[in-house]
Amino acid sequence: MPRQSTQVTSLPVAVERTFDLWMWLEGRVADFSVYTRQSLGRRILDSVLDLMADLLRATYALRRSEKQLRALTDANERVTLLRLLVRGARERRYMSMCGSW
């Protein structure tokens, strides 16, 4: 019996870019002081992971369903929170925006 190919479907661009952002932020948070890493760093990383989860939920929900709208609304709120957390970290000079992600 021939083996079935396990074809990996590509993820939406928003999910891929959020993954890239997570990897970039992980490197930046690693440079925070211990106290800052355990508080603000944890919040930043949790937010980006939750954002990725929301985008995945929206991707696999039925088009224009209540679940998709809820997931996209949650993702939008998380983007706003994440922007504020990163802005605060940058203004407190915990992180530099140098380097690309």
PDB file of N, CA and C in Angstrom:
ATOM      1  N   MET A   1       0.855  -1.171   0.000  1.00  0.00           N
ATOM      2  CA  MET A   1       0.000   0.000   0.000  1.00  0.00           C
ATOM      3  C   MET A   1       0.903   1.237   0.000  1.00  0.00           C
ATOM      4  N   PRO A   2       0.701   2.171  -0.920  1.00  0.00           N
ATOM      5  CA  PRO A   2       1.544   3.370  -0.974  1.00  0.00           C
ATOM      6  C   PRO A   2       1.265   4.286   0.218  1.00  0.00           C
ATOM      7  N   ARG A   3       2.315   4.943   0.649  1.00  0.00           N
ATOM      8  CA  ARG A   3       2.175   5.887   1.767  1.00  0.00           C
ATOM      9  C   ARG A   3       1.526   7.162   1.274  1.00  0.00           C
ATOM     10  N   GLN A   4       0.668   7.683   2.095  1.00  0.00           N
ATOM     11  CA  GLN A   4       0.064   8.968   1.769  1.00  0.00           C
ATOM     12  C   GLN A   4       1.053  10.066   2.108  1.00  0.00           C
ATOM     13  N   SER A   5       1.132  11.045   1.237  1.00  0.00           N
ATOM     14  CA  SER A   5       2.049  12.146   1.522  1.00  0.00           C
ATOM     15  C   SER A   5       1.439  13.054   2.572  1.00  0.00           C
ATOM     16  N   THR A   6       2.260  13.489   3.466  1.00  0.00           N
ATOM     17  CA  THR A   6       1.804  14.434   4.485  1.00  0.00           C
ATOM     18  C   THR A   6       2.238  15.816   4.037  1.00  0.00           C
ATOM     19  N   GLN A   7       1.353  16.464   3.349  1.00  0.00           N
ATOM     20  CA  GLN A   7       1.654  17.781   2.812  1.00  0.00           C
ATOM     21  C   GLN A   7       1.347  18.832   3.863  1.00  0.00           C
ATOM     22  N   VAL A   8       2.319  19.679   4.120  1.00  0.00           N
ATOM     23  CA  VAL A   8       2.146  20.745   5.094  1.00  0.00           C
ATOM     24  C   VAL A   8       1.512  21.927   4.384  1.00  0.00           C
ATOM     25  N   THR A   9       0.383  22.348   4.897  1.00  0.00           N
ATOM     26  CA  THR A   9      -0.261  23.510   4.298  1.00  0.00           C
ATOM     27  C   THR A   9       0.399  24.766   4.840  1.00  0.00           C
ATOM     28  N   SER A  10       0.495  25.754   4.002  1.00  0.00           N
ATOM     29  CA  SER A  10       1.138  26.988   4.450  1.00  0.00           C
ATOM     30  C   SER A  10       0.170  27.780   5.323  1.00  0.00           C
ATOM     31  N   LEU A  11       0.739  28.477   6.257  1.00  0.00           N
ATOM     32  CA  LEU A  11      -0.054  29.293   7.171  1.00  0.00           C
ATOM     33  C   LEU A  11      -0.278  30.668   6.551  1.00  0.00           C
ATOM     34  N   PRO A  12      -1.330  31.351   6.969  1.00  0.00           N
ATOM     35  CA  PRO A  12      -1.546  32.715   6.479  1.00  0.00           C
ATOM     36  C   PRO A  12      -0.365  33.621   6.838  1.00  0.00           C
ATOM     37  N   VAL A  13      -0.176  34.639   6.047  1.00  0.00           N
ATOM     38  CA  VAL A  13       0.939  35.563   6.244  1.00  0.00           C
ATOM     39  C   VAL A  13       0.907  36.169   7.648  1.00  0.00           C
ATOM     40  N   ALA A  14      -0.253  36.523   8.138  1.00  0.00           N
ATOM     41  CA  ALA A  14      -0.353  37.140   9.470  1.00  0.00           C
ATOM     42  C   ALA A  14       0.188  36.208  10.549  1.00  0.00           C
ATOM     43  N   VAL A  15      -0.089  34.924  10.425  1.00  0.00           N
ATOM     44  CA  VAL A  15       0.395  33.958  11.418  1.00  0.00           C
ATOM     45  C   VAL A  15       1.906  33.795  11.286  1.00  0.00           C
ATOM     46  N   GLU A  16       2.396  33.692  10.059  1.00  0.00           N
ATOM     47  CA  GLU A  16       3.841  33.568   9.835  1.00  0.00           C
ATOM     48  C   GLU A  16       4.592  34.786  10.385  1.00  0.00           C
ATOM     49  N   ARG A  17       4.079  35.972  10.131  1.00  0.00           N
ATOM     50  CA  ARG A  17       4.734  37.197  10.615  1.00  0.00           C
ATOM     51  C   ARG A  17       4.666  37.284  12.138  1.00  0.00           C
ATOM     52  N   THR A  18       3.584  36.821  12.735  1.00  0.00           N
ATOM     53  CA  THR A  18       3.478  36.808  14.193  1.00  0.00           C
ATOM     54  C   THR A  18       4.482  35.830  14.781  1.00  0.00           C
ATOM     55  N   PHE A  19       4.684  34.704  14.119  1.00  0.00           N
ATOM     56  CA  PHE A  19       5.712  33.754  14.553  1.00  0.00           C
ATOM     57  C   PHE A  19       7.088  34.413  14.500  1.00  0.00           C
ATOM     58  N   ASP A  20       7.384  35.110  13.403  1.00  0.00           N
ATOM     59  CA  ASP A  20       8.665  35.814  13.274  1.00  0.00           C
ATOM     60  C   ASP A  20       8.828  36.863  14.379  1.00  0.00           C
ATOM     61  N   LEU A  21       7.739  37.576  14.671  1.00  0.00           N
ATOM     62  CA  LEU A  21       7.763  38.575  15.744  1.00  0.00           C
ATOM     63  C   LEU A  21       8.052  37.916  17.078  1.00  0.00           C
ATOM     64  N   TRP A  22       7.441  36.774  17.343  1.00  0.00           N
ATOM     65  CA  TRP A  22       7.682  36.030  18.584  1.00  0.00           C
ATOM     66  C   TRP A  22       9.160  35.668  18.719  1.00  0.00           C
ATOM     67  N   MET A  23       9.738  35.145  17.643  1.00  0.00           N
ATOM     68  CA  MET A  23      11.158  34.772  17.685  1.00  0.00           C
ATOM     69  C   MET A  23      12.032  36.005  17.949  1.00  0.00           C
ATOM     70  N   TRP A  24      11.720  37.126  17.314  1.00  0.00           N
ATOM     71  CA  TRP A  24      12.484  38.347  17.506  1.00  0.00           C
ATOM     72  C   TRP A  24      12.336  38.862  18.932  1.00  0.00           C
ATOM     73  N   LEU A  25      11.109  38.886  19.438  1.00  0.00           N
ATOM     74  CA  LEU A  25      10.876  39.375  20.803  1.00  0.00           C
ATOM     75  C   LEU A  25      11.530  38.471  21.838  1.00  0.00           C
ATOM     76  N   GLU A  26      11.533  37.175  21.594  1.00  0.00           N
ATOM     77  CA  GLU A  26      12.171  36.236  22.528  1.00  0.00           C
ATOM     78  C   GLU A  26      13.641  36.607  22.734  1.00  0.00           C
ATOM     79  N   GLY A  27      14.320  36.944  21.648  1.00  0.00           N
ATOM     80  CA  GLY A  27      15.718  37.352  21.747  1.00  0.00           C
ATOM     81  C   GLY A  27      15.899  38.665  22.484  1.00  0.00           C
ATOM     82  N   ARG A  28      14.990  39.589  22.277  1.00  0.00           N
ATOM     83  CA  ARG A  28      15.079  40.889  22.953  1.00  0.00           C
ATOM     84  C   ARG A  28      14.778  40.761  24.444  1.00  0.00           C
ATOM     85  N   VAL A  29      13.765  39.984  24.793  1.00  0.00           N
ATOM     86  CA  VAL A  29      13.375  39.813  26.200  1.00  0.00           C
ATOM     87  C   VAL A  29      14.472  39.099  26.978  1.00  0.00           C
ATOM     88  N   ALA A  30      15.219  38.236  26.325  1.00  0.00           N
ATOM     89  CA  ALA A  30      16.313  37.513  26.993  1.00  0.00           C
ATOM     90  C   ALA A  30      17.359  38.475  27.541  1.00  0.00           C
ATOM     91  N   ASP A  31      17.451  39.668  26.967  1.00  0.00           N
ATOM     92  CA  ASP A  31      18.431  40.654  27.426  1.00  0.00           C
ATOM     93  C   ASP A  31      17.913  41.540  28.559  1.00  0.00           C
ATOM     94  N   PHE A  32      16.651  41.399  28.939  1.00  0.00           N
ATOM     95  CA  PHE A  32      16.098  42.190  30.045  1.00  0.00           C
ATOM     96  C   PHE A  32      16.755  41.747  31.358  1.00  0.00           C
ATOM     97  N   SER A  33      16.717  42.623  32.354  1.00  0.00           N
ATOM     98  CA  SER A  33      17.152  42.221  33.691  1.00  0.00           C
ATOM     99  C   SER A  33      16.209  41.134  34.204  1.00  0.00           C
ATOM    100  N   VAL A  34      16.628  40.403  35.202  1.00  0.00           N
ATOM    101  CA  VAL A  34      15.828  39.288  35.713  1.00  0.00           C
ATOM    102  C   VAL A  34      14.437  39.764  36.130  1.00  0.00           C
ATOM    103  N   TYR A  35      14.360  40.839  36.904  1.00  0.00           N
ATOM    104  CA  TYR A  35      13.065  41.339  37.372  1.00  0.00           C
ATOM    105  C   TYR A  35      12.181  41.739  36.197  1.00  0.00           C
ATOM    106  N   THR A  36      12.744  42.479  35.263  1.00  0.00           N
ATOM    107  CA  THR A  36      11.968  42.963  34.116  1.00  0.00           C
ATOM    108  C   THR A  36      11.561  41.800  33.221  1.00  0.00           C
ATOM    109  N   ARG A  37      12.432  40.823  33.061  1.00  0.00           N
ATOM    110  CA  ARG A  37      12.118  39.653  32.233  1.00  0.00           C
ATOM    111  C   ARG A  37      10.966  38.865  32.840  1.00  0.00           C
ATOM    112  N   GLN A  38      10.941  38.765  34.183  1.00  0.00           N
ATOM    113  CA  GLN A  38       9.895  37.987  34.847  1.00  0.00           C
ATOM    114  C   GLN A  38       8.554  38.713  34.878  1.00  0.00           C
ATOM    115  N   SER A  39       8.554  40.006  34.702  1.00  0.00           N
ATOM    116  CA  SER A  39       7.280  40.743  34.728  1.00  0.00           C
ATOM    117  C   SER A  39       6.911  41.205  33.321  1.00  0.00           C
ATOM    118  N   LEU A  40       7.537  42.261  32.867  1.00  0.00           N
ATOM    119  CA  LEU A  40       7.206  42.828  31.556  1.00  0.00           C
ATOM    120  C   LEU A  40       7.545  41.861  30.428  1.00  0.00           C
ATOM    121  N   GLY A  41       8.686  41.211  30.512  1.00  0.00           N
ATOM    122  CA  GLY A  41       9.079  40.260  29.471  1.00  0.00           C
ATOM    123  C   GLY A  41       8.077  39.133  29.330  1.00  0.00           C
ATOM    124  N   ARG A  42       7.619  38.601  30.455  1.00  0.00           N
ATOM    125  CA  ARG A  42       6.620  37.529  30.444  1.00  0.00           C
ATOM    126  C   ARG A  42       5.326  38.011  29.793  1.00  0.00           C
ATOM    127  N   ARG A  43       4.898  39.230  30.122  1.00  0.00           N
ATOM    128  CA  ARG A  43       3.664  39.778  29.541  1.00  0.00           C
ATOM    129  C   ARG A  43       3.794  39.961  28.032  1.00  0.00           C
ATOM    130  N   ILE A  44       4.947  40.434  27.589  1.00  0.00           N
ATOM    131  CA  ILE A  44       5.168  40.626  26.155  1.00  0.00           C
ATOM    132  C   ILE A  44       5.096  39.283  25.425  1.00  0.00           C
ATOM    133  N   LEU A  45       5.807  38.298  25.926  1.00  0.00           N
ATOM    134  CA  LEU A  45       5.825  36.992  25.258  1.00  0.00           C
ATOM    135  C   LEU A  45       4.475  36.291  25.330  1.00  0.00           C
ATOM    136  N   ASP A  46       3.791  36.399  26.464  1.00  0.00           N
ATOM    137  CA  ASP A  46       2.448  35.816  26.563  1.00  0.00           C
ATOM    138  C   ASP A  46       1.501  36.477  25.565  1.00  0.00           C
ATOM    139  N   SER A  47       1.621  37.791  25.412  1.00  0.00           N
ATOM    140  CA  SER A  47       0.742  38.515  24.489  1.00  0.00           C
ATOM    141  C   SER A  47       0.965  38.090  23.046  1.00  0.00           C
ATOM    142  N   VAL A  48       2.215  37.943  22.635  1.00  0.00           N
ATOM    143  CA  VAL A  48       2.471  37.559  21.250  1.00  0.00           C
ATOM    144  C   VAL A  48       2.033  36.113  20.994  1.00  0.00           C
ATOM    145  N   LEU A  49       2.176  35.231  21.986  1.00  0.00           N
ATOM    146  CA  LEU A  49       1.704  33.857  21.826  1.00  0.00           C
ATOM    147  C   LEU A  49       0.180  33.797  21.774  1.00  0.00           C
ATOM    148  N   ASP A  50      -0.483  34.586  22.601  1.00  0.00           N
ATOM    149  CA  ASP A  50      -1.947  34.648  22.565  1.00  0.00           C
ATOM    150  C   ASP A  50      -2.435  35.230  21.239  1.00  0.00           C
ATOM    151  N   LEU A  51      -1.715  36.219  20.722  1.00  0.00           N
ATOM    152  CA  LEU A  51      -2.056  36.797  19.425  1.00  0.00           C
ATOM    153  C   LEU A  51      -1.972  35.730  18.336  1.00  0.00           C
ATOM    154  N   MET A  52      -0.915  34.946  18.351  1.00  0.00           N
ATOM    155  CA  MET A  52      -0.765  33.891  17.363  1.00  0.00           C
ATOM    156  C   MET A  52      -1.912  32.877  17.477  1.00  0.00           C
ATOM    157  N   ALA A  53      -2.296  32.542  18.691  1.00  0.00           N
ATOM    158  CA  ALA A  53      -3.410  31.610  18.904  1.00  0.00           C
ATOM    159  C   ALA A  53      -4.716  32.194  18.371  1.00  0.00           C
ATOM    160  N   ASP A  54      -4.957  33.479  18.611  1.00  0.00           N
ATOM    161  CA  ASP A  54      -6.171  34.124  18.095  1.00  0.00           C
ATOM    162  C   ASP A  54      -6.205  34.099  16.568  1.00  0.00           C
ATOM    163  N   LEU A  55      -5.073  34.371  15.954  1.00  0.00           N
ATOM    164  CA  LEU A  55      -5.012  34.360  14.493  1.00  0.00           C
ATOM    165  C   LEU A  55      -5.235  32.956  13.938  1.00  0.00           C
ATOM    166  N   LEU A  56      -4.725  31.956  14.623  1.00  0.00           N
ATOM    167  CA  LEU A  56      -4.971  30.579  14.189  1.00  0.00           C
ATOM    168  C   LEU A  56      -6.441  30.205  14.344  1.00  0.00           C
ATOM    169  N   ARG A  57      -7.064  30.618  15.455  1.00  0.00           N
ATOM    170  CA  ARG A  57      -8.496  30.352  15.634  1.00  0.00           C
ATOM    171  C   ARG A  57      -9.308  31.004  14.526  1.00  0.00           C
ATOM    172  N   ALA A  58      -8.957  32.234  14.178  1.00  0.00           N
ATOM    173  CA  ALA A  58      -9.673  32.937  13.113  1.00  0.00           C
ATOM    174  C   ALA A  58      -9.452  32.254  11.768  1.00  0.00           C
ATOM    175  N   THR A  59      -8.267  31.716  11.555  1.00  0.00           N
ATOM    176  CA  THR A  59      -7.944  31.042  10.302  1.00  0.00           C
ATOM    177  C   THR A  59      -8.805  29.802  10.101  1.00  0.00           C
ATOM    178  N   TYR A  60      -8.997  29.044  11.162  1.00  0.00           N
ATOM    179  CA  TYR A  60      -9.701  27.775  11.033  1.00  0.00           C
ATOM    180  C   TYR A  60     -11.192  27.856  11.354  1.00  0.00           C
ATOM    181  N   ALA A  61     -11.679  29.022  11.743  1.00  0.00           N
ATOM    182  CA  ALA A  61     -13.116  29.196  11.972  1.00  0.00           C
ATOM    183  C   ALA A  61     -13.808  29.336  10.618  1.00  0.00           C
ATOM    184  N   LEU A  62     -15.063  28.998  10.603  1.00  0.00           N
ATOM    185  CA  LEU A  62     -15.827  29.181   9.369  1.00  0.00           C
ATOM    186  C   LEU A  62     -15.853  30.656   8.998  1.00  0.00           C
ATOM    187  N   ARG A  63     -15.777  30.917   7.715  1.00  0.00           N
ATOM    188  CA  ARG A  63     -15.758  32.296   7.241  1.00  0.00           C
ATOM    189  C   ARG A  63     -16.984  33.057   7.737  1.00  0.00           C
ATOM    190  N   ARG A  64     -16.709  34.241   8.236  1.00  0.00           N
ATOM    191  CA  ARG A  64     -17.740  35.158   8.722  1.00  0.00           C
ATOM    192  C   ARG A  64     -18.618  34.571   9.828  1.00  0.00           C
ATOM    193  N   SER A  65     -18.066  33.643  10.556  1.00  0.00           N
ATOM    194  CA  SER A  65     -18.806  33.070  11.672  1.00  0.00           C
ATOM    195  C   SER A  65     -18.577  33.922  12.912  1.00  0.00           C
ATOM    196  N   GLU A  66     -19.378  33.677  13.905  1.00  0.00           N
ATOM    197  CA  GLU A  66     -19.241  34.372  15.179  1.00  0.00           C
ATOM    198  C   GLU A  66     -17.875  34.078  15.807  1.00  0.00           C
ATOM    199  N   LYS A  67     -17.406  32.830  15.676  1.00  0.00           N
ATOM    200  CA  LYS A  67     -16.103  32.447  16.234  1.00  0.00           C
ATOM    201  C   LYS A  67     -14.975  33.201  15.548  1.00  0.00           C
ATOM    202  N   GLN A  68     -15.056  33.366  14.249  1.00  0.00           N
ATOM    203  CA  GLN A  68     -14.011  34.079  13.524  1.00  0.00           C
ATOM    204  C   GLN A  68     -13.991  35.545  13.926  1.00  0.00           C
ATOM    205  N   LEU A  69     -15.163  36.161  14.013  1.00  0.00           N
ATOM    206  CA  LEU A  69     -15.229  37.573  14.412  1.00  0.00           C
ATOM    207  C   LEU A  69     -14.690  37.769  15.819  1.00  0.00           C
ATOM    208  N   ARG A  70     -15.007  36.845  16.733  1.00  0.00           N
ATOM    209  CA  ARG A  70     -14.519  36.940  18.109  1.00  0.00           C
ATOM    210  C   ARG A  70     -12.992  36.803  18.142  1.00  0.00           C
ATOM    211  N   ALA A  71     -12.470  35.854  17.382  1.00  0.00           N
ATOM    212  CA  ALA A  71     -11.017  35.637  17.349  1.00  0.00           C
ATOM    213  C   ALA A  71     -10.307  36.859  16.772  1.00  0.00           C
ATOM    214  N   LEU A  72     -10.872  37.459  15.734  1.00  0.00           N
ATOM    215  CA  LEU A  72     -10.248  38.647  15.142  1.00  0.00           C
ATOM    216  C   LEU A  72     -10.340  39.852  16.072  1.00  0.00           C
ATOM    217  N   THR A  73     -11.441  39.966  16.792  1.00  0.00           N
ATOM    218  CA  THR A  73     -11.567  41.042  17.781  1.00  0.00           C
ATOM    219  C   THR A  73     -10.543  40.860  18.900  1.00  0.00           C
ATOM    220  N   ASP A  74     -10.405  39.624  19.387  1.00  0.00           N
ATOM    221  CA  ASP A  74      -9.401  39.332  20.421  1.00  0.00           C
ATOM    222  C   ASP A  74      -7.993  39.636  19.909  1.00  0.00           C
ATOM    223  N   ALA A  75      -7.711  39.246  18.666  1.00  0.00           N
ATOM    224  CA  ALA A  75      -6.392  39.501  18.079  1.00  0.00           C
ATOM    225  C   ALA A  75      -6.131  41.000  18.000  1.00  0.00           C
ATOM    226  N   ASN A  76      -7.132  41.764  17.616  1.00  0.00           N
ATOM    227  CA  ASN A  76      -6.970  43.218  17.521  1.00  0.00           C
ATOM    228  C   ASN A  76      -6.657  43.828  18.885  1.00  0.00           C
ATOM    229  N   GLU A  77      -7.351  43.371  19.918  1.00  0.00           N
ATOM    230  CA  GLU A  77      -7.080  43.858  21.272  1.00  0.00           C
ATOM    231  C   GLU A  77      -5.662  43.485  21.708  1.00  0.00           C
ATOM    232  N   ARG A  78      -5.219  42.288  21.371  1.00  0.00           N
ATOM    233  CA  ARG A  78      -3.872  41.846  21.751  1.00  0.00           C
ATOM    234  C   ARG A  78      -2.789  42.629  21.015  1.00  0.00           C
ATOM    235  N   VAL A  79      -3.048  42.967  19.757  1.00  0.00           N
ATOM    236  CA  VAL A  79      -2.079  43.780  19.009  1.00  0.00           C
ATOM    237  C   VAL A  79      -1.910  45.132  19.698  1.00  0.00           C
ATOM    238  N   THR A  80      -3.013  45.726  20.114  1.00  0.00           N
ATOM    239  CA  THR A  80      -2.949  47.018  20.798  1.00  0.00           C
ATOM    240  C   THR A  80      -2.170  46.900  22.101  1.00  0.00           C
ATOM    241  N   LEU A  81      -2.459  45.875  22.898  1.00  0.00           N
ATOM    242  CA  LEU A  81      -1.734  45.657  24.153  1.00  0.00           C
ATOM    243  C   LEU A  81      -0.251  45.415  23.889  1.00  0.00           C
ATOM    244  N   LEU A  82       0.047  44.580  22.919  1.00  0.00           N
ATOM    245  CA  LEU A  82       1.438  44.266  22.600  1.00  0.00           C
ATOM    246  C   LEU A  82       2.194  45.518  22.158  1.00  0.00           C
ATOM    247  N   ARG A  83       1.561  46.348  21.353  1.00  0.00           N
ATOM    248  CA  ARG A  83       2.198  47.599  20.930  1.00  0.00           C
ATOM    249  C   ARG A  83       2.538  48.471  22.136  1.00  0.00           C
ATOM    250  N   LEU A  84       1.616  48.558  23.093  1.00  0.00           N
ATOM    251  CA  LEU A  84       1.860  49.379  24.285  1.00  0.00           C
ATOM    252  C   LEU A  84       2.969  48.786  25.152  1.00  0.00           C
ATOM    253  N   LEU A  85       2.984  47.471  25.305  1.00  0.00           N
ATOM    254  CA  LEU A  85       4.028  46.831  26.109  1.00  0.00           C
ATOM    255  C   LEU A  85       5.411  47.029  25.488  1.00  0.00           C
ATOM    256  N   VAL A  86       5.516  46.845  24.176  1.00  0.00           N
ATOM    257  CA  VAL A  86       6.798  47.030  23.495  1.00  0.00           C
ATOM    258  C   VAL A  86       7.210  48.496  23.530  1.00  0.00           C
ATOM    259  N   ARG A  87       6.245  49.388  23.349  1.00  0.00           N
ATOM    260  CA  ARG A  87       6.541  50.825  23.430  1.00  0.00           C
ATOM    261  C   ARG A  87       7.085  51.187  24.813  1.00  0.00           C
ATOM    262  N   GLY A  88       6.437  50.668  25.869  1.00  0.00           N
ATOM    263  CA  GLY A  88       6.912  50.929  27.222  1.00  0.00           C
ATOM    264  C   GLY A  88       8.306  50.380  27.462  1.00  0.00           C
ATOM    265  N   ALA A  89       8.560  49.166  26.961  1.00  0.00           N
ATOM    266  CA  ALA A  89       9.890  48.559  27.118  1.00  0.00           C
ATOM    267  C   ALA A  89      10.939  49.391  26.389  1.00  0.00           C
ATOM    268  N   ARG A  90      10.573  49.910  25.230  1.00  0.00           N
ATOM    269  CA  ARG A  90      11.524  50.726  24.465  1.00  0.00           C
ATOM    270  C   ARG A  90      11.764  52.061  25.168  1.00  0.00           C
ATOM    271  N   GLU A  91      10.697  52.695  25.644  1.00  0.00           N
ATOM    272  CA  GLU A  91      10.845  53.988  26.323  1.00  0.00           C
ATOM    273  C   GLU A  91      11.605  53.864  27.637  1.00  0.00           C
ATOM    274  N   ARG A  92      11.493  52.722  28.311  1.00  0.00           N
ATOM    275  CA  ARG A  92      12.256  52.483  29.542  1.00  0.00           C
ATOM    276  C   ARG A  92      13.670  52.005  29.233  1.00  0.00           C
ATOM    277  N   ARG A  93      13.978  51.884  27.956  1.00  0.00           N
ATOM    278  CA  ARG A  93      15.293  51.454  27.461  1.00  0.00           C
ATOM    279  C   ARG A  93      15.648  50.025  27.852  1.00  0.00           C
ATOM    280  N   TYR A  94      14.599  49.177  27.981  1.00  0.00           N
ATOM    281  CA  TYR A  94      14.844  47.757  28.204  1.00  0.00           C
ATOM    282  C   TYR A  94      15.172  47.069  26.885  1.00  0.00           C
ATOM    283  N   MET A  95      14.700  47.651  25.794  1.00  0.00           N
ATOM    284  CA  MET A  95      14.945  47.040  24.489  1.00  0.00           C
ATOM    285  C   MET A  95      15.199  48.120  23.450  1.00  0.00           C
ATOM    286  N   SER A  96      15.974  47.735  22.473  1.00  0.00           N
ATOM    287  CA  SER A  96      16.270  48.602  21.343  1.00  0.00           C
ATOM    288  C   SER A  96      15.484  48.080  20.153  1.00  0.00           C
ATOM    289  N   MET A  97      15.114  48.949  19.269  1.00  0.00           N
ATOM    290  CA  MET A  97      14.381  48.526  18.087  1.00  0.00           C
ATOM    291  C   MET A  97      15.331  48.230  16.931  1.00  0.00           C
ATOM    292  N   CYS A  98      16.623  48.215  17.195  1.00  0.00           N
ATOM    293  CA  CYS A  98      17.593  47.904  16.155  1.00  0.00           C
ATOM    294  C   CYS A  98      17.482  46.440  15.763  1.00  0.00           C
ATOM    295  N   GLY A  99      17.776  46.155  14.537  1.00  0.00           N
ATOM    296  CA  GLY A  99      17.698  44.790  14.044  1.00  0.00           C
ATOM    297  C   GLY A  99      16.334  44.510  13.465  1.00  0.00           C
ATOM    298  N   SER A 100      16.301  43.657  12.493  1.00  0.00           N
ATOM    299  CA  SER A 100      15.033  43.355  11.860  1.00  0.00           C
ATOM    300  C   SER A 100      14.495  42.048  12.395  1.00  0.00           C
ATOM    301  N   TRP A 101      13.231  41.856  12.227  1.00  0.00           N
ATOM    302  CA  TRP A 101      12.610  40.597  12.612  1.00  0.00           C
ATOM    303  C   TRP A 101      11.942  40.062  11.412  1.00  0.00           C
TER     304      TRP A 101
END
